[in-house]
N, C-alpha and C. Protein backbone atom coordinates (compact mmCIF):
# COMPACT_ATOMS: atom_id res chain seq x y z
N MET A 1 -3.09 82.58 252.28
CA MET A 1 -2.86 81.82 250.42
C MET A 1 -4.79 81.84 249.85
N PHE A 2 -5.87 81.49 250.54
CA PHE A 2 -7.47 81.36 249.55
C PHE A 2 -7.80 82.53 250.07
N VAL A 3 -7.35 83.28 250.85
CA VAL A 3 -7.70 84.54 250.74
C VAL A 3 -7.24 85.61 249.69
N THR A 4 -6.66 85.69 249.28
CA THR A 4 -5.34 87.03 248.31
C THR A 4 -4.97 86.04 247.75
N SER A 5 -6.30 84.98 246.85
CA SER A 5 -5.93 84.13 245.68
C SER A 5 -6.95 84.99 244.46
N PRO A 6 -6.12 84.81 243.10
CA PRO A 6 -7.05 86.20 242.11
C PRO A 6 -8.28 84.95 242.34
N LEU A 7 -8.52 83.81 242.06
CA LEU A 7 -9.71 84.01 242.19
C LEU A 7 -10.98 84.32 243.23
N TRP A 8 -10.52 84.51 244.67
CA TRP A 8 -11.62 84.86 245.76
C TRP A 8 -11.27 86.76 245.70
N GLN A 9 -10.13 87.04 244.56
CA GLN A 9 -10.38 88.91 245.71
C GLN A 9 -10.78 89.46 243.30
N GLY A 10 -11.08 88.42 242.61
CA GLY A 10 -12.26 88.48 242.13
C GLY A 10 -13.71 88.13 242.80
N LEU A 11 -13.95 86.67 243.17
CA LEU A 11 -15.75 86.70 243.26
C LEU A 11 -14.95 87.72 244.56
N THR A 12 -14.86 88.48 245.85
CA THR A 12 -15.48 89.27 246.01
C THR A 12 -15.10 90.74 246.09
N LEU A 13 -13.83 90.79 244.59
CA LEU A 13 -14.58 92.82 244.21
C LEU A 13 -15.57 91.63 243.48
N GLY A 14 -15.63 91.41 242.43
CA GLY A 14 -17.25 90.92 241.69
C GLY A 14 -18.09 91.62 242.32
N LEU A 15 -18.37 91.24 242.99
CA LEU A 15 -19.42 91.20 244.33
C LEU A 15 -20.13 92.49 244.59
N ALA A 16 -19.09 92.82 245.06
CA ALA A 16 -19.36 94.44 245.32
C ALA A 16 -19.22 95.29 244.12
N MET A 17 -19.32 95.20 242.81
CA MET A 17 -19.56 96.15 241.94
C MET A 17 -20.69 95.81 241.83
N ILE A 18 -21.36 94.45 241.23
CA ILE A 18 -22.57 94.15 240.99
C ILE A 18 -24.02 93.68 242.11
N VAL A 19 -23.49 93.53 243.74
CA VAL A 19 -24.68 93.74 244.31
C VAL A 19 -25.49 94.46 244.86
N PRO A 20 -24.84 96.17 244.59
CA PRO A 20 -25.45 97.70 245.81
C PRO A 20 -25.74 97.44 244.47
N ILE A 21 -27.77 97.89 244.99
CA ILE A 21 -28.86 97.51 244.07
C ILE A 21 -28.12 99.01 242.69
N GLY A 22 -28.94 99.31 241.42
CA GLY A 22 -29.31 99.57 240.42
C GLY A 22 -30.59 99.56 239.53
N ALA A 23 -30.11 99.33 238.31
CA ALA A 23 -31.12 99.93 237.53
C ALA A 23 -31.33 98.58 236.84
N GLN A 24 -29.83 97.67 236.35
CA GLN A 24 -30.10 96.21 236.28
C GLN A 24 -30.16 95.59 237.22
N ASN A 25 -30.18 95.37 238.84
CA ASN A 25 -30.58 94.20 239.39
C ASN A 25 -32.63 95.06 239.79
N ALA A 26 -33.13 95.98 239.58
CA ALA A 26 -34.16 95.63 239.69
C ALA A 26 -34.74 95.20 238.58
N PHE A 27 -34.48 95.39 237.78
CA PHE A 27 -34.49 95.11 236.70
C PHE A 27 -35.93 93.03 236.48
N VAL A 28 -34.53 92.65 237.30
CA VAL A 28 -34.05 91.21 237.40
C VAL A 28 -35.10 91.24 239.20
N LEU A 29 -34.89 91.75 239.70
CA LEU A 29 -36.05 91.18 240.87
C LEU A 29 -37.27 91.11 240.41
N ASN A 30 -37.81 92.37 239.81
CA ASN A 30 -39.53 92.84 239.10
C ASN A 30 -38.75 91.65 237.73
N GLN A 31 -38.52 91.43 237.61
CA GLN A 31 -38.62 90.17 236.18
C GLN A 31 -39.70 88.22 236.98
N GLY A 32 -38.24 88.84 237.98
CA GLY A 32 -38.42 87.57 239.71
C GLY A 32 -39.06 87.37 239.75
N ILE A 33 -39.78 88.56 240.44
CA ILE A 33 -41.56 88.28 240.89
C ILE A 33 -42.52 87.96 240.46
N ARG A 34 -42.42 88.35 239.59
CA ARG A 34 -43.44 88.25 237.68
C ARG A 34 -43.71 87.29 237.69
N ARG A 35 -41.98 86.69 236.91
CA ARG A 35 -41.84 84.76 237.27
C ARG A 35 -42.78 84.60 236.08
N HIS A 36 -41.18 85.70 234.94
CA HIS A 36 -41.65 85.90 233.43
C HIS A 36 -40.35 85.91 232.77
N HIS A 37 -39.85 85.34 232.10
CA HIS A 37 -38.42 85.07 231.90
C HIS A 37 -37.27 85.65 232.04
N HIS A 38 -37.95 84.67 233.36
CA HIS A 38 -36.29 85.54 235.39
C HIS A 38 -35.61 84.16 234.57
N LEU A 39 -34.89 83.44 234.45
CA LEU A 39 -34.56 82.48 233.95
C LEU A 39 -33.25 82.90 233.19
N MET A 40 -34.18 83.31 231.98
CA MET A 40 -33.20 83.69 230.54
C MET A 40 -32.83 85.62 231.37
N VAL A 41 -33.15 86.46 232.07
CA VAL A 41 -33.32 87.66 232.56
C VAL A 41 -31.32 87.37 233.10
N ALA A 42 -31.49 86.68 234.70
CA ALA A 42 -30.76 86.53 235.10
C ALA A 42 -29.24 85.63 233.64
N THR A 43 -29.52 84.84 232.63
CA THR A 43 -27.87 84.69 231.93
C THR A 43 -27.97 85.29 230.93
N VAL A 44 -29.29 86.80 230.13
CA VAL A 44 -27.71 87.24 229.76
C VAL A 44 -27.43 88.05 230.43
N CYS A 45 -27.81 88.63 231.57
CA CYS A 45 -26.65 89.63 232.33
C CYS A 45 -25.53 88.99 232.88
N ILE A 46 -25.83 87.30 233.14
CA ILE A 46 -24.61 86.50 233.53
C ILE A 46 -23.57 86.31 232.05
N CYS A 47 -24.43 86.96 231.45
CA CYS A 47 -22.99 86.84 229.16
C CYS A 47 -22.18 88.01 229.16
N CYS A 48 -23.12 89.21 229.50
CA CYS A 48 -23.17 90.75 229.44
C CYS A 48 -22.24 90.93 229.92
N ASP A 49 -22.24 89.78 231.66
CA ASP A 49 -20.32 90.06 232.15
C ASP A 49 -19.36 89.72 232.19
N VAL A 50 -19.48 87.72 231.48
CA VAL A 50 -19.05 87.58 230.45
C VAL A 50 -18.40 88.39 229.70
N PHE A 51 -19.16 89.17 228.99
CA PHE A 51 -17.78 89.71 227.24
C PHE A 51 -17.43 90.63 228.11
N LEU A 52 -18.14 92.01 228.89
CA LEU A 52 -17.34 92.99 228.95
C LEU A 52 -15.79 92.71 230.47
N ILE A 53 -16.32 91.78 230.82
CA ILE A 53 -15.53 91.96 232.18
C ILE A 53 -13.65 91.05 231.64
N SER A 54 -14.48 90.13 230.57
CA SER A 54 -12.98 89.97 229.29
C SER A 54 -12.35 90.45 229.02
N LEU A 55 -13.63 91.39 228.91
CA LEU A 55 -12.40 92.00 227.62
C LEU A 55 -11.67 93.00 228.78
N GLY A 56 -12.10 93.93 229.47
CA GLY A 56 -11.36 94.51 230.56
C GLY A 56 -9.71 94.01 231.33
N VAL A 57 -11.23 92.39 231.68
CA VAL A 57 -10.03 92.26 232.50
C VAL A 57 -8.12 91.39 230.93
N PHE A 58 -8.65 91.50 230.04
CA PHE A 58 -7.16 90.28 229.68
C PHE A 58 -7.35 91.50 227.74
N GLY A 59 -7.20 92.79 228.68
CA GLY A 59 -6.33 94.83 228.05
C GLY A 59 -6.90 94.69 227.35
N THR A 60 -8.52 94.95 227.04
CA THR A 60 -8.53 95.97 225.79
C THR A 60 -10.48 96.37 226.65
N GLY A 61 -10.39 96.90 227.95
CA GLY A 61 -10.76 98.18 228.29
C GLY A 61 -10.76 99.92 228.38
N ALA A 62 -9.18 99.76 227.95
CA ALA A 62 -9.20 100.89 227.11
C ALA A 62 -10.21 101.25 226.23
N LEU A 63 -10.69 101.37 224.99
CA LEU A 63 -11.41 101.29 224.24
C LEU A 63 -12.63 101.74 223.81
N MET A 64 -12.88 101.32 225.61
CA MET A 64 -14.80 102.56 225.62
C MET A 64 -14.67 103.41 226.57
N SER A 65 -12.71 103.65 226.46
CA SER A 65 -12.38 104.88 227.66
C SER A 65 -12.22 106.01 226.75
N SER A 66 -11.46 105.95 225.40
CA SER A 66 -10.54 106.19 224.97
C SER A 66 -11.89 106.42 223.45
N GLN A 67 -13.23 106.73 223.50
CA GLN A 67 -14.02 106.71 222.40
C GLN A 67 -15.11 107.61 223.26
N PRO A 68 -15.43 108.82 223.82
CA PRO A 68 -15.51 109.66 224.81
C PRO A 68 -17.52 109.98 223.16
N LEU A 69 -17.47 109.67 221.59
CA LEU A 69 -18.89 109.77 221.81
C LEU A 69 -19.56 108.73 221.21
N LEU A 70 -18.74 107.68 222.27
CA LEU A 70 -20.03 106.65 221.69
C LEU A 70 -20.38 106.28 223.35
N LEU A 71 -19.35 106.40 224.30
CA LEU A 71 -20.07 106.44 225.43
C LEU A 71 -21.32 107.97 225.94
N THR A 72 -21.33 108.56 224.97
CA THR A 72 -21.62 109.49 225.05
C THR A 72 -23.35 109.47 224.20
N LEU A 73 -23.20 108.69 223.24
CA LEU A 73 -24.27 108.33 222.83
C LEU A 73 -25.42 106.79 223.30
N ILE A 74 -24.67 106.61 223.87
CA ILE A 74 -25.07 105.13 225.25
C ILE A 74 -25.49 105.91 226.24
N THR A 75 -24.60 106.99 227.17
CA THR A 75 -25.83 107.41 228.26
C THR A 75 -26.61 108.02 227.57
N GLY A 76 -27.34 108.63 226.87
CA GLY A 76 -28.42 108.88 226.39
C GLY A 76 -29.12 108.77 226.09
N ALA A 77 -29.11 107.06 225.42
CA ALA A 77 -29.13 106.44 224.75
C ALA A 77 -29.79 106.19 226.21
N GLY A 78 -29.20 105.38 227.04
CA GLY A 78 -29.46 104.70 228.99
C GLY A 78 -30.89 106.22 229.47
N ILE A 79 -30.14 107.16 229.35
CA ILE A 79 -31.05 108.04 229.47
C ILE A 79 -32.94 107.88 229.75
N LEU A 80 -32.54 107.87 228.41
CA LEU A 80 -34.35 108.34 228.49
C LEU A 80 -34.80 106.71 227.77
N PHE A 81 -34.56 105.14 228.16
CA PHE A 81 -35.24 104.31 229.18
C PHE A 81 -35.28 103.68 229.73
N LEU A 82 -33.59 104.96 231.03
CA LEU A 82 -34.08 104.92 232.26
C LEU A 82 -35.57 105.50 232.75
N THR A 83 -35.76 106.18 232.36
CA THR A 83 -36.45 107.78 231.80
C THR A 83 -38.43 106.96 231.83
N THR A 84 -37.92 105.93 231.52
CA THR A 84 -39.65 105.64 230.89
C THR A 84 -39.82 104.12 231.20
N TYR A 85 -38.68 103.50 232.41
CA TYR A 85 -38.29 102.54 232.85
C TYR A 85 -38.97 103.28 233.67
N GLY A 86 -39.05 104.38 234.30
CA GLY A 86 -38.81 104.79 235.68
C GLY A 86 -39.82 104.97 236.36
N ALA A 87 -40.34 105.86 234.74
CA ALA A 87 -42.28 106.26 234.66
C ALA A 87 -43.05 105.37 235.18
N MET A 88 -42.66 104.87 234.47
CA MET A 88 -43.44 102.63 234.46
C MET A 88 -44.15 102.41 235.57
N ALA A 89 -42.53 102.14 236.44
CA ALA A 89 -42.79 101.82 236.41
C ALA A 89 -43.80 102.32 238.83
N LEU A 90 -43.49 103.86 238.55
CA LEU A 90 -44.12 104.69 239.65
C LEU A 90 -45.53 105.05 239.14
N ARG A 91 -46.01 104.61 237.43
CA ARG A 91 -47.83 103.86 237.68
C ARG A 91 -48.38 103.55 237.99
N SER A 92 -47.69 102.38 237.81
CA SER A 92 -47.20 101.00 238.63
C SER A 92 -48.01 100.84 239.52
N ALA A 93 -47.28 101.67 240.26
CA ALA A 93 -47.36 101.34 241.97
C ALA A 93 -48.64 102.70 242.30
N MET A 94 -48.82 103.43 241.09
CA MET A 94 -49.90 104.53 241.50
C MET A 94 -50.90 103.55 241.19
N ARG A 95 -50.90 103.12 240.10
CA ARG A 95 -52.16 103.03 239.63
C ARG A 95 -51.68 100.95 239.41
N PRO A 96 -52.23 100.35 241.09
CA PRO A 96 -52.15 99.29 240.22
C PRO A 96 -52.37 98.24 239.38
N ALA A 97 -54.08 99.21 239.62
CA ALA A 97 -55.53 97.33 238.59
C ALA A 97 -55.22 97.81 237.36
N ALA A 98 -54.16 99.45 236.68
CA ALA A 98 -54.28 99.56 235.87
C ALA A 98 -52.91 98.63 235.15
N ALA A 99 -51.64 98.20 235.86
CA ALA A 99 -50.07 97.73 235.73
C ALA A 99 -50.55 96.02 236.05
N ASP A 100 -51.65 95.66 236.33
CA ASP A 100 -51.93 94.41 236.66
C ASP A 100 -52.39 93.84 234.96
N GLU A 101 -53.36 94.93 234.87
CA GLU A 101 -54.00 94.16 233.11
C GLU A 101 -52.64 94.82 231.96
N ALA A 102 -52.09 95.49 232.14
CA ALA A 102 -50.45 95.36 231.18
C ALA A 102 -49.46 94.33 231.30
N ARG A 103 -49.74 94.14 232.22
CA ARG A 103 -48.53 92.70 232.67
C ARG A 103 -49.10 91.42 231.48
N LYS A 104 -50.13 91.55 232.38
CA LYS A 104 -51.34 90.55 231.45
C LYS A 104 -51.12 90.26 229.92
N ALA A 105 -51.49 91.67 229.60
CA ALA A 105 -51.68 91.43 228.35
C ALA A 105 -49.51 91.31 227.44
N ALA A 106 -48.43 91.80 228.12
CA ALA A 106 -47.16 91.63 228.37
C ALA A 106 -47.19 90.21 228.23
N HIS A 107 -48.01 89.30 229.30
CA HIS A 107 -47.80 87.82 228.95
C HIS A 107 -47.61 86.34 227.46
N LEU A 108 -48.50 87.79 226.97
CA LEU A 108 -49.20 86.75 225.41
C LEU A 108 -48.30 87.02 225.16
N GLY A 109 -47.35 87.62 225.12
CA GLY A 109 -44.98 87.27 224.14
C GLY A 109 -44.65 87.19 225.35
N GLY A 110 -43.90 88.61 224.53
CA GLY A 110 -43.02 88.57 225.13
C GLY A 110 -41.26 88.88 225.88
N ARG A 111 -41.22 86.85 224.79
CA ARG A 111 -39.34 87.16 225.03
C ARG A 111 -38.66 88.33 225.00
N GLY A 112 -39.52 88.36 223.11
CA GLY A 112 -38.72 88.95 222.73
C GLY A 112 -38.52 90.68 223.16
N ALA A 113 -38.77 91.35 223.91
CA ALA A 113 -39.88 92.26 224.93
C ALA A 113 -38.17 92.84 225.74
N VAL A 114 -38.80 91.82 227.14
CA VAL A 114 -38.07 91.09 228.04
C VAL A 114 -36.16 91.35 227.54
N LEU A 115 -35.99 90.32 226.03
CA LEU A 115 -34.74 90.71 225.37
C LEU A 115 -34.05 91.63 226.15
N LEU A 116 -35.39 92.75 225.07
CA LEU A 116 -34.23 94.21 224.75
C LEU A 116 -34.89 94.70 226.21
N GLY A 117 -35.62 94.59 226.75
CA GLY A 117 -35.20 95.33 227.82
C GLY A 117 -33.83 94.49 228.97
N THR A 118 -33.89 94.14 228.65
CA THR A 118 -32.24 93.06 229.65
C THR A 118 -31.06 93.34 228.56
N LEU A 119 -30.90 93.58 227.83
CA LEU A 119 -29.86 94.22 226.92
C LEU A 119 -29.68 95.92 227.14
N ALA A 120 -30.76 96.09 227.09
CA ALA A 120 -31.19 98.09 227.38
C ALA A 120 -30.52 98.20 228.26
N VAL A 121 -30.79 97.76 229.70
CA VAL A 121 -30.80 98.37 231.04
C VAL A 121 -29.60 98.11 231.48
N THR A 122 -28.77 96.84 230.78
CA THR A 122 -26.96 95.97 231.06
C THR A 122 -26.52 97.29 229.79
N LEU A 123 -27.03 97.28 228.87
CA LEU A 123 -25.80 98.12 227.57
C LEU A 123 -25.97 99.28 227.70
N LEU A 124 -26.84 99.48 227.95
CA LEU A 124 -26.87 101.20 227.82
C LEU A 124 -27.09 101.60 229.33
N ASN A 125 -27.00 101.90 230.27
CA ASN A 125 -25.46 102.51 231.43
C ASN A 125 -24.59 102.41 232.01
N PRO A 126 -23.79 104.20 230.94
CA PRO A 126 -22.61 103.54 231.30
C PRO A 126 -21.69 103.30 232.76
N HIS A 127 -22.56 102.36 233.37
CA HIS A 127 -21.38 102.98 234.95
C HIS A 127 -20.96 102.01 234.66
N VAL A 128 -22.20 100.22 234.13
CA VAL A 128 -22.00 98.93 234.12
C VAL A 128 -19.97 98.87 232.67
N TYR A 129 -19.33 99.71 232.44
CA TYR A 129 -18.46 100.29 231.73
C TYR A 129 -17.74 100.16 232.26
N LEU A 130 -17.91 101.39 233.39
CA LEU A 130 -16.81 101.84 234.02
C LEU A 130 -16.96 100.35 234.96
N ASP A 131 -17.50 99.85 236.29
CA ASP A 131 -17.54 98.46 236.71
C ASP A 131 -16.44 97.79 235.99
N THR A 132 -16.87 96.96 234.79
CA THR A 132 -16.96 95.98 234.80
C THR A 132 -15.60 95.83 234.09
N MET A 133 -15.52 97.18 232.95
CA MET A 133 -13.87 96.68 232.03
C MET A 133 -13.17 98.09 232.55
N VAL A 134 -12.85 99.29 232.81
CA VAL A 134 -12.14 99.77 234.32
C VAL A 134 -11.95 99.46 234.91
N ILE A 135 -12.65 99.51 235.78
CA ILE A 135 -12.26 99.23 237.72
C ILE A 135 -11.73 97.17 237.40
N LEU A 136 -12.22 96.49 237.45
CA LEU A 136 -12.06 95.11 236.98
C LEU A 136 -11.11 95.04 235.98
N GLY A 137 -11.58 95.16 235.35
CA GLY A 137 -10.07 95.22 233.65
C GLY A 137 -8.89 96.34 234.46
N SER A 138 -9.07 97.11 235.27
CA SER A 138 -7.86 97.25 235.48
C SER A 138 -6.90 97.18 236.57
N ILE A 139 -7.28 97.03 237.81
CA ILE A 139 -7.05 95.61 238.70
C ILE A 139 -6.85 94.00 238.13
N GLY A 140 -7.23 93.84 236.96
CA GLY A 140 -7.59 92.17 236.51
C GLY A 140 -5.93 92.18 235.81
N SER A 141 -5.77 93.75 234.86
CA SER A 141 -4.80 93.58 234.04
C SER A 141 -3.52 93.82 234.44
N GLN A 142 -3.89 94.27 236.39
CA GLN A 142 -2.15 94.74 237.24
C GLN A 142 -1.34 93.33 236.58
N LEU A 143 -2.25 92.36 237.57
CA LEU A 143 -1.61 90.63 238.04
C LEU A 143 -1.49 90.26 236.41
N ALA A 144 -0.91 88.74 236.97
CA ALA A 144 0.70 88.20 236.03
C ALA A 144 -0.35 86.98 235.31
N THR A 145 0.93 87.34 234.44
CA THR A 145 -0.86 86.54 233.31
C THR A 145 -1.29 85.06 233.32
N HIS A 146 -0.44 84.66 234.26
CA HIS A 146 -0.99 83.03 234.79
C HIS A 146 -2.43 82.78 235.84
N GLU A 147 -2.12 84.78 236.61
CA GLU A 147 -2.69 84.64 237.27
C GLU A 147 -4.21 85.19 237.24
N ARG A 148 -4.55 85.94 236.29
CA ARG A 148 -5.74 86.64 235.23
C ARG A 148 -7.20 85.51 235.01
N LEU A 149 -6.27 84.68 234.25
CA LEU A 149 -7.73 83.58 234.37
C LEU A 149 -8.33 83.70 235.41
N TRP A 150 -7.31 83.71 236.42
CA TRP A 150 -8.91 82.64 237.77
C TRP A 150 -9.24 84.51 238.53
N PHE A 151 -8.75 85.24 237.64
CA PHE A 151 -9.76 86.80 238.60
C PHE A 151 -10.26 87.11 237.80
N ALA A 152 -10.95 86.03 236.53
CA ALA A 152 -11.97 86.74 236.14
C ALA A 152 -12.64 85.55 236.29
N VAL A 153 -11.83 84.31 236.56
CA VAL A 153 -13.22 83.25 236.59
C VAL A 153 -14.16 83.26 237.95
N GLY A 154 -12.56 84.38 239.49
CA GLY A 154 -13.98 84.90 239.93
C GLY A 154 -14.70 85.84 240.38
N CYS A 155 -14.56 86.82 238.79
CA CYS A 155 -15.77 87.02 238.50
C CYS A 155 -17.07 87.71 238.41
N LEU A 156 -17.08 85.89 237.01
CA LEU A 156 -17.91 85.54 236.68
C LEU A 156 -18.68 85.16 237.64
N LEU A 157 -17.21 84.26 238.39
CA LEU A 157 -18.53 83.57 239.46
C LEU A 157 -19.73 84.37 240.20
N ALA A 158 -18.74 85.35 240.24
CA ALA A 158 -19.74 86.42 241.13
C ALA A 158 -21.95 87.35 240.63
N SER A 159 -21.04 86.25 239.43
CA SER A 159 -22.38 87.35 238.01
C SER A 159 -23.49 85.99 238.62
N PHE A 160 -21.69 84.53 237.91
CA PHE A 160 -23.00 84.21 238.24
C PHE A 160 -24.85 83.79 239.34
N ILE A 161 -23.29 83.95 240.61
CA ILE A 161 -24.47 83.46 241.72
C ILE A 161 -25.79 84.40 242.59
N TRP A 162 -25.11 85.54 242.40
CA TRP A 162 -25.36 86.83 242.39
C TRP A 162 -26.53 87.11 241.22
N PHE A 163 -26.74 86.80 239.97
CA PHE A 163 -28.01 86.92 238.98
C PHE A 163 -28.81 86.46 239.46
N ASN A 164 -29.01 85.02 239.74
CA ASN A 164 -29.27 83.60 239.76
C ASN A 164 -29.75 83.47 241.26
N THR A 165 -29.35 84.19 241.98
CA THR A 165 -29.95 84.23 243.37
C THR A 165 -30.99 84.86 243.18
N LEU A 166 -30.81 85.86 242.20
CA LEU A 166 -31.45 86.81 243.48
C LEU A 166 -33.44 87.06 241.56
N SER A 167 -32.90 86.73 240.97
CA SER A 167 -33.70 85.91 239.74
C SER A 167 -34.88 84.81 240.75
N LEU A 168 -34.02 83.58 241.17
CA LEU A 168 -34.79 82.18 241.57
C LEU A 168 -35.48 82.85 243.14
N GLY A 169 -34.85 83.86 243.95
CA GLY A 169 -35.03 84.18 244.63
C GLY A 169 -36.21 84.91 244.54
N ALA A 170 -36.65 86.43 243.56
CA ALA A 170 -37.79 86.48 243.63
C ALA A 170 -38.72 86.29 243.29
N ALA A 171 -39.21 84.52 242.22
CA ALA A 171 -39.45 84.24 242.05
C ALA A 171 -39.61 82.76 243.31
N ARG A 172 -39.27 82.16 243.67
CA ARG A 172 -39.36 81.82 245.40
C ARG A 172 -40.66 82.71 245.89
N PHE A 173 -40.20 83.93 246.44
CA PHE A 173 -40.68 84.31 247.12
C PHE A 173 -42.00 85.35 246.34
N ALA A 174 -42.55 85.06 245.20
CA ALA A 174 -42.96 85.73 244.35
C ALA A 174 -44.55 86.02 244.64
N PRO A 175 -44.75 85.19 246.04
CA PRO A 175 -46.49 85.04 246.53
C PRO A 175 -46.59 86.35 248.18
N VAL A 176 -45.40 86.30 248.31
CA VAL A 176 -44.87 87.36 249.48
C VAL A 176 -43.92 88.26 248.76
N LEU A 177 -43.86 88.44 247.69
CA LEU A 177 -43.23 90.27 246.96
C LEU A 177 -44.42 90.18 246.55
N SER A 178 -45.30 89.98 245.76
CA SER A 178 -46.25 90.91 244.51
C SER A 178 -47.01 91.07 245.95
N GLN A 179 -47.55 90.10 246.58
CA GLN A 179 -48.49 90.72 247.71
C GLN A 179 -48.56 92.93 247.28
N PRO A 180 -50.77 93.20 247.33
CA PRO A 180 -50.74 95.02 246.69
C PRO A 180 -49.38 95.78 247.46
N LYS A 181 -49.22 95.67 248.53
CA LYS A 181 -48.70 96.68 249.55
C LYS A 181 -47.27 96.76 249.29
N VAL A 182 -46.92 95.45 249.27
CA VAL A 182 -45.16 95.83 248.59
C VAL A 182 -44.71 94.97 247.99
N LYS A 183 -45.93 95.30 247.34
CA LYS A 183 -45.83 94.63 245.61
C LYS A 183 -45.68 96.87 245.10
N ARG A 184 -46.70 97.69 245.66
CA ARG A 184 -46.53 98.73 245.53
C ARG A 184 -44.92 99.44 245.94
N GLY A 185 -44.10 99.19 247.15
CA GLY A 185 -43.83 99.76 247.03
C GLY A 185 -42.08 99.21 246.84
N ILE A 186 -41.79 98.03 245.58
CA ILE A 186 -41.36 97.94 245.69
C ILE A 186 -41.43 98.58 244.16
N ASP A 187 -42.50 98.87 243.49
CA ASP A 187 -42.34 99.59 241.58
C ASP A 187 -41.95 101.09 242.16
N LEU A 188 -42.50 101.22 243.97
CA LEU A 188 -41.79 102.46 244.05
C LEU A 188 -40.34 102.97 244.36
N LEU A 189 -40.12 101.78 244.47
CA LEU A 189 -38.17 101.63 244.80
C LEU A 189 -37.74 101.53 243.69
N VAL A 190 -38.05 100.57 243.05
CA VAL A 190 -37.49 100.32 241.48
C VAL A 190 -37.91 101.98 240.00
N GLY A 191 -38.46 102.93 240.77
CA GLY A 191 -39.08 103.92 239.61
C GLY A 191 -38.27 104.46 239.88
N GLY A 192 -37.66 104.93 241.77
CA GLY A 192 -37.56 106.37 243.06
C GLY A 192 -35.35 105.33 242.18
N ILE A 193 -35.06 104.09 242.15
CA ILE A 193 -34.53 104.11 241.50
C ILE A 193 -33.80 104.37 240.38
N MET A 194 -34.67 103.85 239.02
CA MET A 194 -34.59 104.65 237.94
C MET A 194 -34.42 105.26 237.35
N LEU A 195 -35.05 106.71 237.84
CA LEU A 195 -35.47 108.12 237.89
C LEU A 195 -34.28 108.73 238.16
N ALA A 196 -33.21 108.36 239.42
CA ALA A 196 -32.34 109.08 239.61
C ALA A 196 -30.82 108.91 238.89
N LEU A 197 -31.17 107.14 239.32
CA LEU A 197 -29.72 106.82 237.72
C LEU A 197 -29.46 108.19 236.79
N ALA A 198 -31.53 107.65 235.96
CA ALA A 198 -31.35 108.74 234.50
C ALA A 198 -30.70 109.91 234.88
N THR A 199 -31.40 110.70 236.77
CA THR A 199 -30.75 111.96 236.82
C THR A 199 -29.10 112.31 237.22
N GLN A 200 -28.65 111.67 237.75
CA GLN A 200 -27.44 111.21 237.55
C GLN A 200 -26.44 111.41 235.91
N LEU A 201 -27.39 110.32 235.55
CA LEU A 201 -26.78 110.44 233.58
C LEU A 201 -26.61 111.86 233.14
N THR A 202 -28.00 113.00 233.84
CA THR A 202 -28.12 113.83 232.92
C THR A 202 -26.72 114.55 233.28
N TRP A 203 -27.45 115.18 234.99
CA TRP A 203 -25.68 115.84 235.22
C TRP A 203 -24.90 115.76 234.58
N GLN A 204 -24.57 114.55 234.06
CA GLN A 204 -22.88 114.01 233.73
C GLN A 204 -23.05 114.18 232.46
N LEU A 205 -24.26 114.07 231.75
CA LEU A 205 -23.29 114.37 229.65
C LEU A 205 -23.52 115.57 229.56
N ALA A 206 -24.92 116.69 230.81
CA ALA A 206 -24.96 117.70 229.97
C ALA A 206 -23.42 118.21 231.33
N GLY A 207 -22.46 117.90 232.27
CA GLY A 207 -21.09 117.85 232.21
C GLY A 207 -20.24 117.78 231.21
N GLN A 208 -20.16 116.50 230.97
CA GLN A 208 -19.28 116.51 229.41
C GLN A 208 -19.95 117.35 228.39
N LEU A 209 -20.82 117.75 227.96
CA LEU A 209 -21.13 118.09 227.31
C LEU A 209 -20.77 120.30 227.06
N ALA A 210 -20.21 120.48 228.17
CA ALA A 210 -20.50 121.91 228.92
C ALA A 210 -20.17 122.48 227.86
């Protein structure tokens, strides 16, 4: 009974959508390692999931798929952001001294910039709408009315557990993860993920516009 409950289904499917490494997870990991507004970053990611998953599960997920122009604009902005962030991460890996100075300067302020960066890496990625509003939304909308709420709660619980675990875990092990060789490897991984996703989105956009 528990295994097939809507709450458990939402939790497991939510984790399956959220856990695979991507631009958002890479951003959360990086902020956790820096211990720079990392709890705010996790909270913003969770709040975005609350909004998008609720829209999808409770019947308005079709809005995004019915607006091709909106998706095209989001994709274009996402490509620009991911390319810029990926290039910065690779630059950090190649020139760690310069990157450290830049990070120190960013720490003087930065809450607004981190907030905007979190929103960008979350909302400018078309895949987030596919995962939350389309996939989870379509599954949840097939459930009985009284089961949808528990399915949504399960999905949101997955988001809460994952982003807090990733953020707090990265901050907890920051002394290890911040070691030069480890940090360089993480920067290379993050930069590669960002640029690979930007390339994938570019091909998708080119196909849509062809």
